[in-house]
ModelCIF file with pLDDT and N, C-alpha, C, O atoms, coordinates in Angstrom:
data_MODEL
#
_entry.id   MODEL 
#
_entity.id                         1 
_entity.type                       polymer 
_entity.pdbx_number_of_molecules   1 
#
_entity_poly.entity_id                      1 
_entity_poly.type                           'polypeptide(L)' 
_entity_poly.nstd_linkage                   no 
_entity_poly.nstd_monomer                   no 
_entity_poly.pdbx_seq_one_letter_code       
;(UNK)(UNK)(UNK)(UNK)(UNK)(UNK)(UNK)(UNK)(UNK)(UNK)(UNK)(UNK)(UNK)(UNK)(UNK)(UNK)
(UNK)(UNK)(UNK)(UNK)(UNK)(UNK)(UNK)(UNK)(UNK)(UNK)(UNK)(UNK)(UNK)(UNK)(UNK)(UNK)
(UNK)(UNK)(UNK)(UNK)(UNK)(UNK)(UNK)(UNK)(UNK)(UNK)(UNK)(UNK)(UNK)(UNK)(UNK)
;
_entity_poly.pdbx_seq_one_letter_code_can   XXXXXXXXXXXXXXXXXXXXXXXXXXXXXXXXXXXXXXXXXXXXXXX 
_entity_poly.pdbx_strand_id                 A 
#
loop_
_entity_poly_seq.entity_id 
_entity_poly_seq.num 
_entity_poly_seq.mon_id 
_entity_poly_seq.hetero 
1 1  UNK n 
1 2  UNK n 
1 3  UNK n 
1 4  UNK n 
1 5  UNK n 
1 6  UNK n 
1 7  UNK n 
1 8  UNK n 
1 9  UNK n 
1 10 UNK n 
1 11 UNK n 
1 12 UNK n 
1 13 UNK n 
1 14 UNK n 
1 15 UNK n 
1 16 UNK n 
1 17 UNK n 
1 18 UNK n 
1 19 UNK n 
1 20 UNK n 
1 21 UNK n 
1 22 UNK n 
1 23 UNK n 
1 24 UNK n 
1 25 UNK n 
1 26 UNK n 
1 27 UNK n 
1 28 UNK n 
1 29 UNK n 
1 30 UNK n 
1 31 UNK n 
1 32 UNK n 
1 33 UNK n 
1 34 UNK n 
1 35 UNK n 
1 36 UNK n 
1 37 UNK n 
1 38 UNK n 
1 39 UNK n 
1 40 UNK n 
1 41 UNK n 
1 42 UNK n 
1 43 UNK n 
1 44 UNK n 
1 45 UNK n 
1 46 UNK n 
1 47 UNK n 
#
_struct_asym.id          A 
_struct_asym.entity_id   1 
#
loop_
_ma_qa_metric.id 
_ma_qa_metric.mode 
_ma_qa_metric.name 
_ma_qa_metric.software_group_id 
_ma_qa_metric.type 
1 global pLDDT . pLDDT 
2 local  pLDDT . pLDDT 
#
_ma_qa_metric_global.metric_id      1 
_ma_qa_metric_global.metric_value   96.77 
_ma_qa_metric_global.model_id       1 
_ma_qa_metric_global.ordinal_id     1 
#
loop_
_ma_qa_metric_local.label_asym_id 
_ma_qa_metric_local.label_comp_id 
_ma_qa_metric_local.label_seq_id 
_ma_qa_metric_local.metric_id 
_ma_qa_metric_local.metric_value 
_ma_qa_metric_local.model_id 
_ma_qa_metric_local.ordinal_id 
A UNK 1  2 98.00 1 1  
A UNK 2  2 98.00 1 2  
A UNK 3  2 98.00 1 3  
A UNK 4  2 98.00 1 4  
A UNK 5  2 98.00 1 5  
A UNK 6  2 98.00 1 6  
A UNK 7  2 98.00 1 7  
A UNK 8  2 98.00 1 8  
A UNK 9  2 98.00 1 9  
A UNK 10 2 98.00 1 10 
A UNK 11 2 98.00 1 11 
A UNK 12 2 98.00 1 12 
A UNK 13 2 98.00 1 13 
A UNK 14 2 98.00 1 14 
A UNK 15 2 98.00 1 15 
A UNK 16 2 98.00 1 16 
A UNK 17 2 97.00 1 17 
A UNK 18 2 96.00 1 18 
A UNK 19 2 96.00 1 19 
A UNK 20 2 93.00 1 20 
A UNK 21 2 93.00 1 21 
A UNK 22 2 96.00 1 22 
A UNK 23 2 96.00 1 23 
A UNK 24 2 96.00 1 24 
A UNK 25 2 95.00 1 25 
A UNK 26 2 94.00 1 26 
A UNK 27 2 96.00 1 27 
A UNK 28 2 95.00 1 28 
A UNK 29 2 97.00 1 29 
A UNK 30 2 97.00 1 30 
A UNK 31 2 97.00 1 31 
A UNK 32 2 98.00 1 32 
A UNK 33 2 98.00 1 33 
A UNK 34 2 98.00 1 34 
A UNK 35 2 98.00 1 35 
A UNK 36 2 98.00 1 36 
A UNK 37 2 98.00 1 37 
A UNK 38 2 98.00 1 38 
A UNK 39 2 98.00 1 39 
A UNK 40 2 98.00 1 40 
A UNK 41 2 97.00 1 41 
A UNK 42 2 97.00 1 42 
A UNK 43 2 97.00 1 43 
A UNK 44 2 96.00 1 44 
A UNK 45 2 94.00 1 45 
A UNK 46 2 91.00 1 46 
A UNK 47 2 92.00 1 47 
#
loop_
_atom_site.group_PDB 
_atom_site.id 
_atom_site.type_symbol 
_atom_site.label_atom_id 
_atom_site.label_alt_id 
_atom_site.label_comp_id 
_atom_site.label_asym_id 
_atom_site.label_entity_id 
_atom_site.label_seq_id 
_atom_site.pdbx_PDB_ins_code 
_atom_site.Cartn_x 
_atom_site.Cartn_y 
_atom_site.Cartn_z 
_atom_site.occupancy 
_atom_site.B_iso_or_equiv 
_atom_site.pdbx_formal_charge 
_atom_site.auth_seq_id 
_atom_site.auth_comp_id 
_atom_site.auth_asym_id 
_atom_site.auth_atom_id 
_atom_site.pdbx_PDB_model_num 
ATOM 1   N N  . UNK A 1 1  ? -3.493 0.448   8.050   1.00 98.00 ? 1  UNK A N  1 
ATOM 2   C CA . UNK A 1 1  ? -3.152 0.986   6.733   1.00 98.00 ? 1  UNK A CA 1 
ATOM 3   C C  . UNK A 1 1  ? -3.995 1.977   5.650   1.00 98.00 ? 1  UNK A C  1 
ATOM 4   O O  . UNK A 1 1  ? -5.104 2.195   6.138   1.00 98.00 ? 1  UNK A O  1 
ATOM 5   N N  . UNK A 1 2  ? -3.886 2.439   4.751   1.00 98.00 ? 2  UNK A N  1 
ATOM 6   C CA . UNK A 1 2  ? -4.707 2.961   4.135   1.00 98.00 ? 2  UNK A CA 1 
ATOM 7   C C  . UNK A 1 2  ? -4.618 2.840   2.351   1.00 98.00 ? 2  UNK A C  1 
ATOM 8   O O  . UNK A 1 2  ? -3.770 2.329   1.621   1.00 98.00 ? 2  UNK A O  1 
ATOM 9   N N  . UNK A 1 3  ? -5.728 3.461   2.101   1.00 98.00 ? 3  UNK A N  1 
ATOM 10  C CA . UNK A 1 3  ? -5.692 3.467   0.240   1.00 98.00 ? 3  UNK A CA 1 
ATOM 11  C C  . UNK A 1 3  ? -6.576 4.456   -0.116  1.00 98.00 ? 3  UNK A C  1 
ATOM 12  O O  . UNK A 1 3  ? -7.525 4.639   0.647   1.00 98.00 ? 3  UNK A O  1 
ATOM 13  N N  . UNK A 1 4  ? -6.471 5.215   -1.214  1.00 98.00 ? 4  UNK A N  1 
ATOM 14  C CA . UNK A 1 4  ? -6.977 6.178   -1.709  1.00 98.00 ? 4  UNK A CA 1 
ATOM 15  C C  . UNK A 1 4  ? -7.293 6.537   -3.536  1.00 98.00 ? 4  UNK A C  1 
ATOM 16  O O  . UNK A 1 4  ? -6.176 6.449   -4.048  1.00 98.00 ? 4  UNK A O  1 
ATOM 17  N N  . UNK A 1 5  ? -7.875 6.734   -4.164  1.00 98.00 ? 5  UNK A N  1 
ATOM 18  C CA . UNK A 1 5  ? -7.782 6.940   -5.607  1.00 98.00 ? 5  UNK A CA 1 
ATOM 19  C C  . UNK A 1 5  ? -7.192 8.318   -5.726  1.00 98.00 ? 5  UNK A C  1 
ATOM 20  O O  . UNK A 1 5  ? -7.478 9.371   -5.157  1.00 98.00 ? 5  UNK A O  1 
ATOM 21  N N  . UNK A 1 6  ? -6.005 7.915   -6.909  1.00 98.00 ? 6  UNK A N  1 
ATOM 22  C CA . UNK A 1 6  ? -5.371 9.209   -7.556  1.00 98.00 ? 6  UNK A CA 1 
ATOM 23  C C  . UNK A 1 6  ? -6.396 9.358   -8.727  1.00 98.00 ? 6  UNK A C  1 
ATOM 24  O O  . UNK A 1 6  ? -7.403 8.699   -8.984  1.00 98.00 ? 6  UNK A O  1 
ATOM 25  N N  . UNK A 1 7  ? -5.754 10.570  -9.441  1.00 98.00 ? 7  UNK A N  1 
ATOM 26  C CA . UNK A 1 7  ? -6.845 11.247  -10.416 1.00 98.00 ? 7  UNK A CA 1 
ATOM 27  C C  . UNK A 1 7  ? -6.261 10.791  -11.706 1.00 98.00 ? 7  UNK A C  1 
ATOM 28  O O  . UNK A 1 7  ? -6.355 11.407  -12.767 1.00 98.00 ? 7  UNK A O  1 
ATOM 29  N N  . UNK A 1 8  ? -5.486 9.354   -11.472 1.00 98.00 ? 8  UNK A N  1 
ATOM 30  C CA . UNK A 1 8  ? -5.304 8.774   -13.146 1.00 98.00 ? 8  UNK A CA 1 
ATOM 31  C C  . UNK A 1 8  ? -5.892 7.561   -12.643 1.00 98.00 ? 8  UNK A C  1 
ATOM 32  O O  . UNK A 1 8  ? -5.044 6.725   -12.956 1.00 98.00 ? 8  UNK A O  1 
ATOM 33  N N  . UNK A 1 9  ? -6.534 7.138   -12.238 1.00 98.00 ? 9  UNK A N  1 
ATOM 34  C CA . UNK A 1 9  ? -7.205 6.380   -12.047 1.00 98.00 ? 9  UNK A CA 1 
ATOM 35  C C  . UNK A 1 9  ? -6.542 5.164   -11.235 1.00 98.00 ? 9  UNK A C  1 
ATOM 36  O O  . UNK A 1 9  ? -7.178 4.141   -10.980 1.00 98.00 ? 9  UNK A O  1 
ATOM 37  N N  . UNK A 1 10 ? -5.314 5.348   -10.882 1.00 98.00 ? 10 UNK A N  1 
ATOM 38  C CA . UNK A 1 10 ? -4.853 4.444   -9.763  1.00 98.00 ? 10 UNK A CA 1 
ATOM 39  C C  . UNK A 1 10 ? -5.216 4.263   -8.389  1.00 98.00 ? 10 UNK A C  1 
ATOM 40  O O  . UNK A 1 10 ? -6.116 4.960   -7.921  1.00 98.00 ? 10 UNK A O  1 
ATOM 41  N N  . UNK A 1 11 ? -4.659 3.462   -7.728  1.00 98.00 ? 11 UNK A N  1 
ATOM 42  C CA . UNK A 1 11 ? -5.112 3.418   -5.905  1.00 98.00 ? 11 UNK A CA 1 
ATOM 43  C C  . UNK A 1 11 ? -3.573 3.697   -5.310  1.00 98.00 ? 11 UNK A C  1 
ATOM 44  O O  . UNK A 1 11 ? -2.518 3.270   -5.781  1.00 98.00 ? 11 UNK A O  1 
ATOM 45  N N  . UNK A 1 12 ? -3.716 4.331   -4.426  1.00 98.00 ? 12 UNK A N  1 
ATOM 46  C CA . UNK A 1 12 ? -2.270 4.420   -3.804  1.00 98.00 ? 12 UNK A CA 1 
ATOM 47  C C  . UNK A 1 12 ? -2.438 3.923   -2.414  1.00 98.00 ? 12 UNK A C  1 
ATOM 48  O O  . UNK A 1 12 ? -3.196 4.545   -1.669  1.00 98.00 ? 12 UNK A O  1 
ATOM 49  N N  . UNK A 1 13 ? -1.771 2.799   -1.957  1.00 98.00 ? 13 UNK A N  1 
ATOM 50  C CA . UNK A 1 13 ? -1.657 1.973   -0.580  1.00 98.00 ? 13 UNK A CA 1 
ATOM 51  C C  . UNK A 1 13 ? -0.574 2.229   0.297   1.00 98.00 ? 13 UNK A C  1 
ATOM 52  O O  . UNK A 1 13 ? 0.500  1.868   -0.184  1.00 98.00 ? 13 UNK A O  1 
ATOM 53  N N  . UNK A 1 14 ? -0.515 2.646   1.230   1.00 98.00 ? 14 UNK A N  1 
ATOM 54  C CA . UNK A 1 14 ? 0.236  2.635   2.127   1.00 98.00 ? 14 UNK A CA 1 
ATOM 55  C C  . UNK A 1 14 ? 0.099  1.873   3.310   1.00 98.00 ? 14 UNK A C  1 
ATOM 56  O O  . UNK A 1 14 ? -0.768 0.999   3.334   1.00 98.00 ? 14 UNK A O  1 
ATOM 57  N N  . UNK A 1 15 ? 0.927  2.096   4.443   1.00 98.00 ? 15 UNK A N  1 
ATOM 58  C CA . UNK A 1 15 ? 1.057  1.765   6.062   1.00 98.00 ? 15 UNK A CA 1 
ATOM 59  C C  . UNK A 1 15 ? 0.915  0.391   6.296   1.00 98.00 ? 15 UNK A C  1 
ATOM 60  O O  . UNK A 1 15 ? 1.168  -0.469  5.452   1.00 98.00 ? 15 UNK A O  1 
ATOM 61  N N  . UNK A 1 16 ? 0.478  0.156   7.524   1.00 98.00 ? 16 UNK A N  1 
ATOM 62  C CA . UNK A 1 16 ? 0.137  -1.646  8.175   1.00 98.00 ? 16 UNK A CA 1 
ATOM 63  C C  . UNK A 1 16 ? 1.618  -1.095  8.925   1.00 98.00 ? 16 UNK A C  1 
ATOM 64  O O  . UNK A 1 16 ? 2.753  -0.904  8.488   1.00 98.00 ? 16 UNK A O  1 
ATOM 65  N N  . UNK A 1 17 ? 0.894  -0.931  10.456  1.00 97.00 ? 17 UNK A N  1 
ATOM 66  C CA . UNK A 1 17 ? 1.752  -1.398  11.601  1.00 97.00 ? 17 UNK A CA 1 
ATOM 67  C C  . UNK A 1 17 ? 0.619  -1.538  12.876  1.00 97.00 ? 17 UNK A C  1 
ATOM 68  O O  . UNK A 1 17 ? -0.271 -0.775  13.249  1.00 97.00 ? 17 UNK A O  1 
ATOM 69  N N  . UNK A 1 18 ? 1.161  -3.135  13.462  1.00 96.00 ? 18 UNK A N  1 
ATOM 70  C CA . UNK A 1 18 ? 0.130  -3.679  14.322  1.00 96.00 ? 18 UNK A CA 1 
ATOM 71  C C  . UNK A 1 18 ? 0.287  -3.807  15.377  1.00 96.00 ? 18 UNK A C  1 
ATOM 72  O O  . UNK A 1 18 ? -0.495 -4.495  16.033  1.00 96.00 ? 18 UNK A O  1 
ATOM 73  N N  . UNK A 1 19 ? 1.795  -2.941  16.173  1.00 96.00 ? 19 UNK A N  1 
ATOM 74  C CA . UNK A 1 19 ? 2.369  -2.641  16.942  1.00 96.00 ? 19 UNK A CA 1 
ATOM 75  C C  . UNK A 1 19 ? 2.442  -1.294  17.657  1.00 96.00 ? 19 UNK A C  1 
ATOM 76  O O  . UNK A 1 19 ? 2.158  -0.389  16.872  1.00 96.00 ? 19 UNK A O  1 
ATOM 77  N N  . UNK A 1 20 ? 2.673  -0.944  18.649  1.00 93.00 ? 20 UNK A N  1 
ATOM 78  C CA . UNK A 1 20 ? 2.426  0.085   19.400  1.00 93.00 ? 20 UNK A CA 1 
ATOM 79  C C  . UNK A 1 20 ? 3.655  1.000   19.180  1.00 93.00 ? 20 UNK A C  1 
ATOM 80  O O  . UNK A 1 20 ? 3.433  2.196   19.369  1.00 93.00 ? 20 UNK A O  1 
ATOM 81  N N  . UNK A 1 21 ? 4.740  0.701   18.864  1.00 93.00 ? 21 UNK A N  1 
ATOM 82  C CA . UNK A 1 21 ? 5.793  1.475   17.980  1.00 93.00 ? 21 UNK A CA 1 
ATOM 83  C C  . UNK A 1 21 ? 6.295  0.939   16.634  1.00 93.00 ? 21 UNK A C  1 
ATOM 84  O O  . UNK A 1 21 ? 5.790  -0.044  16.091  1.00 93.00 ? 21 UNK A O  1 
ATOM 85  N N  . UNK A 1 22 ? 7.089  1.484   16.242  1.00 96.00 ? 22 UNK A N  1 
ATOM 86  C CA . UNK A 1 22 ? 7.425  0.787   14.863  1.00 96.00 ? 22 UNK A CA 1 
ATOM 87  C C  . UNK A 1 22 ? 8.476  -0.246  15.380  1.00 96.00 ? 22 UNK A C  1 
ATOM 88  O O  . UNK A 1 22 ? 9.169  -0.041  16.376  1.00 96.00 ? 22 UNK A O  1 
ATOM 89  N N  . UNK A 1 23 ? 8.525  -1.220  14.721  1.00 96.00 ? 23 UNK A N  1 
ATOM 90  C CA . UNK A 1 23 ? 8.770  -2.468  14.969  1.00 96.00 ? 23 UNK A CA 1 
ATOM 91  C C  . UNK A 1 23 ? 9.277  -3.736  13.171  1.00 96.00 ? 23 UNK A C  1 
ATOM 92  O O  . UNK A 1 23 ? 8.720  -4.416  12.309  1.00 96.00 ? 23 UNK A O  1 
ATOM 93  N N  . UNK A 1 24 ? 10.349 -3.389  13.514  1.00 96.00 ? 24 UNK A N  1 
ATOM 94  C CA . UNK A 1 24 ? 10.797 -4.198  11.883  1.00 96.00 ? 24 UNK A CA 1 
ATOM 95  C C  . UNK A 1 24 ? 11.507 -5.139  11.861  1.00 96.00 ? 24 UNK A C  1 
ATOM 96  O O  . UNK A 1 24 ? 12.104 -5.385  10.813  1.00 96.00 ? 24 UNK A O  1 
ATOM 97  N N  . UNK A 1 25 ? 11.700 -6.069  13.134  1.00 95.00 ? 25 UNK A N  1 
ATOM 98  C CA . UNK A 1 25 ? 12.232 -7.261  13.556  1.00 95.00 ? 25 UNK A CA 1 
ATOM 99  C C  . UNK A 1 25 ? 11.355 -7.742  14.517  1.00 95.00 ? 25 UNK A C  1 
ATOM 100 O O  . UNK A 1 25 ? 10.513 -7.154  15.196  1.00 95.00 ? 25 UNK A O  1 
ATOM 101 N N  . UNK A 1 26 ? 11.848 -9.472  14.441  1.00 94.00 ? 26 UNK A N  1 
ATOM 102 C CA . UNK A 1 26 ? 10.978 -10.399 15.079  1.00 94.00 ? 26 UNK A CA 1 
ATOM 103 C C  . UNK A 1 26 ? 10.049 -10.305 15.289  1.00 94.00 ? 26 UNK A C  1 
ATOM 104 O O  . UNK A 1 26 ? 9.687  -10.614 16.424  1.00 94.00 ? 26 UNK A O  1 
ATOM 105 N N  . UNK A 1 27 ? 9.105  -9.829  14.344  1.00 96.00 ? 27 UNK A N  1 
ATOM 106 C CA . UNK A 1 27 ? 7.684  -9.971  14.401  1.00 96.00 ? 27 UNK A CA 1 
ATOM 107 C C  . UNK A 1 27 ? 7.110  -11.026 13.128  1.00 96.00 ? 27 UNK A C  1 
ATOM 108 O O  . UNK A 1 27 ? 7.750  -11.321 12.119  1.00 96.00 ? 27 UNK A O  1 
ATOM 109 N N  . UNK A 1 28 ? 5.851  -11.451 13.452  1.00 95.00 ? 28 UNK A N  1 
ATOM 110 C CA . UNK A 1 28 ? 5.211  -11.712 11.834  1.00 95.00 ? 28 UNK A CA 1 
ATOM 111 C C  . UNK A 1 28 ? 4.764  -10.582 11.087  1.00 95.00 ? 28 UNK A C  1 
ATOM 112 O O  . UNK A 1 28 ? 4.385  -10.968 9.981   1.00 95.00 ? 28 UNK A O  1 
ATOM 113 N N  . UNK A 1 29 ? 4.676  -9.642  11.194  1.00 97.00 ? 29 UNK A N  1 
ATOM 114 C CA . UNK A 1 29 ? 3.614  -8.142  10.481  1.00 97.00 ? 29 UNK A CA 1 
ATOM 115 C C  . UNK A 1 29 ? 4.672  -7.289  11.238  1.00 97.00 ? 29 UNK A C  1 
ATOM 116 O O  . UNK A 1 29 ? 4.527  -6.939  12.410  1.00 97.00 ? 29 UNK A O  1 
ATOM 117 N N  . UNK A 1 30 ? 6.005  -6.914  10.282  1.00 97.00 ? 30 UNK A N  1 
ATOM 118 C CA . UNK A 1 30 ? 6.749  -5.693  10.715  1.00 97.00 ? 30 UNK A CA 1 
ATOM 119 C C  . UNK A 1 30 ? 6.069  -4.441  9.971   1.00 97.00 ? 30 UNK A C  1 
ATOM 120 O O  . UNK A 1 30 ? 5.435  -4.502  8.918   1.00 97.00 ? 30 UNK A O  1 
ATOM 121 N N  . UNK A 1 31 ? 6.322  -3.344  10.703  1.00 97.00 ? 31 UNK A N  1 
ATOM 122 C CA . UNK A 1 31 ? 5.883  -1.974  10.294  1.00 97.00 ? 31 UNK A CA 1 
ATOM 123 C C  . UNK A 1 31 ? 6.377  -2.018  8.900   1.00 97.00 ? 31 UNK A C  1 
ATOM 124 O O  . UNK A 1 31 ? 7.439  -2.388  8.400   1.00 97.00 ? 31 UNK A O  1 
ATOM 125 N N  . UNK A 1 32 ? 5.049  -1.423  8.330   1.00 98.00 ? 32 UNK A N  1 
ATOM 126 C CA . UNK A 1 32 ? 5.372  -0.764  6.809   1.00 98.00 ? 32 UNK A CA 1 
ATOM 127 C C  . UNK A 1 32 ? 5.277  0.377   6.560   1.00 98.00 ? 32 UNK A C  1 
ATOM 128 O O  . UNK A 1 32 ? 4.281  1.050   6.827   1.00 98.00 ? 32 UNK A O  1 
ATOM 129 N N  . UNK A 1 33 ? 6.715  0.960   5.776   1.00 98.00 ? 33 UNK A N  1 
ATOM 130 C CA . UNK A 1 33 ? 6.870  2.168   5.387   1.00 98.00 ? 33 UNK A CA 1 
ATOM 131 C C  . UNK A 1 33 ? 6.711  2.777   3.984   1.00 98.00 ? 33 UNK A C  1 
ATOM 132 O O  . UNK A 1 33 ? 6.689  3.916   3.515   1.00 98.00 ? 33 UNK A O  1 
ATOM 133 N N  . UNK A 1 34 ? 6.596  1.342   3.453   1.00 98.00 ? 34 UNK A N  1 
ATOM 134 C CA . UNK A 1 34 ? 6.646  1.552   2.005   1.00 98.00 ? 34 UNK A CA 1 
ATOM 135 C C  . UNK A 1 34 ? 5.076  2.173   0.937   1.00 98.00 ? 34 UNK A C  1 
ATOM 136 O O  . UNK A 1 34 ? 3.926  2.071   1.366   1.00 98.00 ? 34 UNK A O  1 
ATOM 137 N N  . UNK A 1 35 ? 5.425  2.776   -0.440  1.00 98.00 ? 35 UNK A N  1 
ATOM 138 C CA . UNK A 1 35 ? 3.863  2.873   -0.821  1.00 98.00 ? 35 UNK A CA 1 
ATOM 139 C C  . UNK A 1 35 ? 4.035  2.589   -2.013  1.00 98.00 ? 35 UNK A C  1 
ATOM 140 O O  . UNK A 1 35 ? 5.025  2.881   -2.684  1.00 98.00 ? 35 UNK A O  1 
ATOM 141 N N  . UNK A 1 36 ? 2.610  1.706   -2.535  1.00 98.00 ? 36 UNK A N  1 
ATOM 142 C CA . UNK A 1 36 ? 2.646  1.183   -3.420  1.00 98.00 ? 36 UNK A CA 1 
ATOM 143 C C  . UNK A 1 36 ? 1.089  1.988   -4.290  1.00 98.00 ? 36 UNK A C  1 
ATOM 144 O O  . UNK A 1 36 ? 0.159  2.679   -3.873  1.00 98.00 ? 36 UNK A O  1 
ATOM 145 N N  . UNK A 1 37 ? 1.463  1.451   -5.608  1.00 98.00 ? 37 UNK A N  1 
ATOM 146 C CA . UNK A 1 37 ? 0.262  1.762   -6.379  1.00 98.00 ? 37 UNK A CA 1 
ATOM 147 C C  . UNK A 1 37 ? -0.674 0.717   -7.163  1.00 98.00 ? 37 UNK A C  1 
ATOM 148 O O  . UNK A 1 37 ? -0.073 -0.143  -7.807  1.00 98.00 ? 37 UNK A O  1 
ATOM 149 N N  . UNK A 1 38 ? -1.739 0.700   -7.175  1.00 98.00 ? 38 UNK A N  1 
ATOM 150 C CA . UNK A 1 38 ? -2.194 -0.743  -7.857  1.00 98.00 ? 38 UNK A CA 1 
ATOM 151 C C  . UNK A 1 38 ? -2.883 -0.041  -9.074  1.00 98.00 ? 38 UNK A C  1 
ATOM 152 O O  . UNK A 1 38 ? -3.497 1.011   -8.902  1.00 98.00 ? 38 UNK A O  1 
ATOM 153 N N  . UNK A 1 39 ? -2.807 -0.469  -9.970  1.00 98.00 ? 39 UNK A N  1 
ATOM 154 C CA . UNK A 1 39 ? -3.149 -0.358  -11.569 1.00 98.00 ? 39 UNK A CA 1 
ATOM 155 C C  . UNK A 1 39 ? -4.424 -1.326  -11.651 1.00 98.00 ? 39 UNK A C  1 
ATOM 156 O O  . UNK A 1 39 ? -4.294 -2.548  -11.723 1.00 98.00 ? 39 UNK A O  1 
ATOM 157 N N  . UNK A 1 40 ? -5.825 -0.600  -11.632 1.00 98.00 ? 40 UNK A N  1 
ATOM 158 C CA . UNK A 1 40 ? -6.627 -1.994  -11.826 1.00 98.00 ? 40 UNK A CA 1 
ATOM 159 C C  . UNK A 1 40 ? -6.730 -2.359  -13.165 1.00 98.00 ? 40 UNK A C  1 
ATOM 160 O O  . UNK A 1 40 ? -6.065 -1.827  -14.054 1.00 98.00 ? 40 UNK A O  1 
ATOM 161 N N  . UNK A 1 41 ? -7.731 -3.456  -13.380 1.00 97.00 ? 41 UNK A N  1 
ATOM 162 C CA . UNK A 1 41 ? -7.506 -3.613  -14.946 1.00 97.00 ? 41 UNK A CA 1 
ATOM 163 C C  . UNK A 1 41 ? -7.858 -2.579  -16.392 1.00 97.00 ? 41 UNK A C  1 
ATOM 164 O O  . UNK A 1 41 ? -7.370 -2.673  -17.518 1.00 97.00 ? 41 UNK A O  1 
ATOM 165 N N  . UNK A 1 42 ? -8.662 -1.805  -15.981 1.00 97.00 ? 42 UNK A N  1 
ATOM 166 C CA . UNK A 1 42 ? -8.983 -1.070  -16.850 1.00 97.00 ? 42 UNK A CA 1 
ATOM 167 C C  . UNK A 1 42 ? -7.850 -0.171  -17.290 1.00 97.00 ? 42 UNK A C  1 
ATOM 168 O O  . UNK A 1 42 ? -8.069 0.360   -18.379 1.00 97.00 ? 42 UNK A O  1 
ATOM 169 N N  . UNK A 1 43 ? -6.812 0.106   -16.784 1.00 97.00 ? 43 UNK A N  1 
ATOM 170 C CA . UNK A 1 43 ? -5.299 0.443   -17.059 1.00 97.00 ? 43 UNK A CA 1 
ATOM 171 C C  . UNK A 1 43 ? -4.563 -0.180  -17.678 1.00 97.00 ? 43 UNK A C  1 
ATOM 172 O O  . UNK A 1 43 ? -3.501 0.353   -17.999 1.00 97.00 ? 43 UNK A O  1 
ATOM 173 N N  . UNK A 1 44 ? -4.810 -1.383  -18.035 1.00 96.00 ? 44 UNK A N  1 
ATOM 174 C CA . UNK A 1 44 ? -4.112 -2.565  -19.036 1.00 96.00 ? 44 UNK A CA 1 
ATOM 175 C C  . UNK A 1 44 ? -3.825 -1.789  -20.406 1.00 96.00 ? 44 UNK A C  1 
ATOM 176 O O  . UNK A 1 44 ? -4.688 -1.335  -21.158 1.00 96.00 ? 44 UNK A O  1 
ATOM 177 N N  . UNK A 1 45 ? -2.693 -1.740  -20.546 1.00 94.00 ? 45 UNK A N  1 
ATOM 178 C CA . UNK A 1 45 ? -2.364 -1.162  -21.823 1.00 94.00 ? 45 UNK A CA 1 
ATOM 179 C C  . UNK A 1 45 ? -2.893 -1.492  -23.460 1.00 94.00 ? 45 UNK A C  1 
ATOM 180 O O  . UNK A 1 45 ? -2.563 -0.955  -24.517 1.00 94.00 ? 45 UNK A O  1 
ATOM 181 N N  . UNK A 1 46 ? -3.875 -2.635  -23.167 1.00 91.00 ? 46 UNK A N  1 
ATOM 182 C CA . UNK A 1 46 ? -4.515 -3.018  -24.507 1.00 91.00 ? 46 UNK A CA 1 
ATOM 183 C C  . UNK A 1 46 ? -5.660 -2.509  -24.646 1.00 91.00 ? 46 UNK A C  1 
ATOM 184 O O  . UNK A 1 46 ? -6.233 -2.534  -25.735 1.00 91.00 ? 46 UNK A O  1 
ATOM 185 N N  . UNK A 1 47 ? -6.382 -1.757  -23.165 1.00 92.00 ? 47 UNK A N  1 
ATOM 186 C CA . UNK A 1 47 ? -7.225 -0.656  -23.367 1.00 92.00 ? 47 UNK A CA 1 
ATOM 187 C C  . UNK A 1 47 ? -6.894 0.894   -23.777 1.00 92.00 ? 47 UNK A C  1 
ATOM 188 O O  . UNK A 1 47 ? -7.808 1.708   -23.903 1.00 92.00 ? 47 UNK A O  1 
#
């Protein structure tokens, strides 16, 4: 998996594949193709 800081202060997070190939079924931790953003507390609307 990987993560990096974006210019607006968010963190973009993606990846996770503990398998030799892409594996989406029948495993405890499937291969992950999604992309998320984490907004740290300083990006809360009240600030």
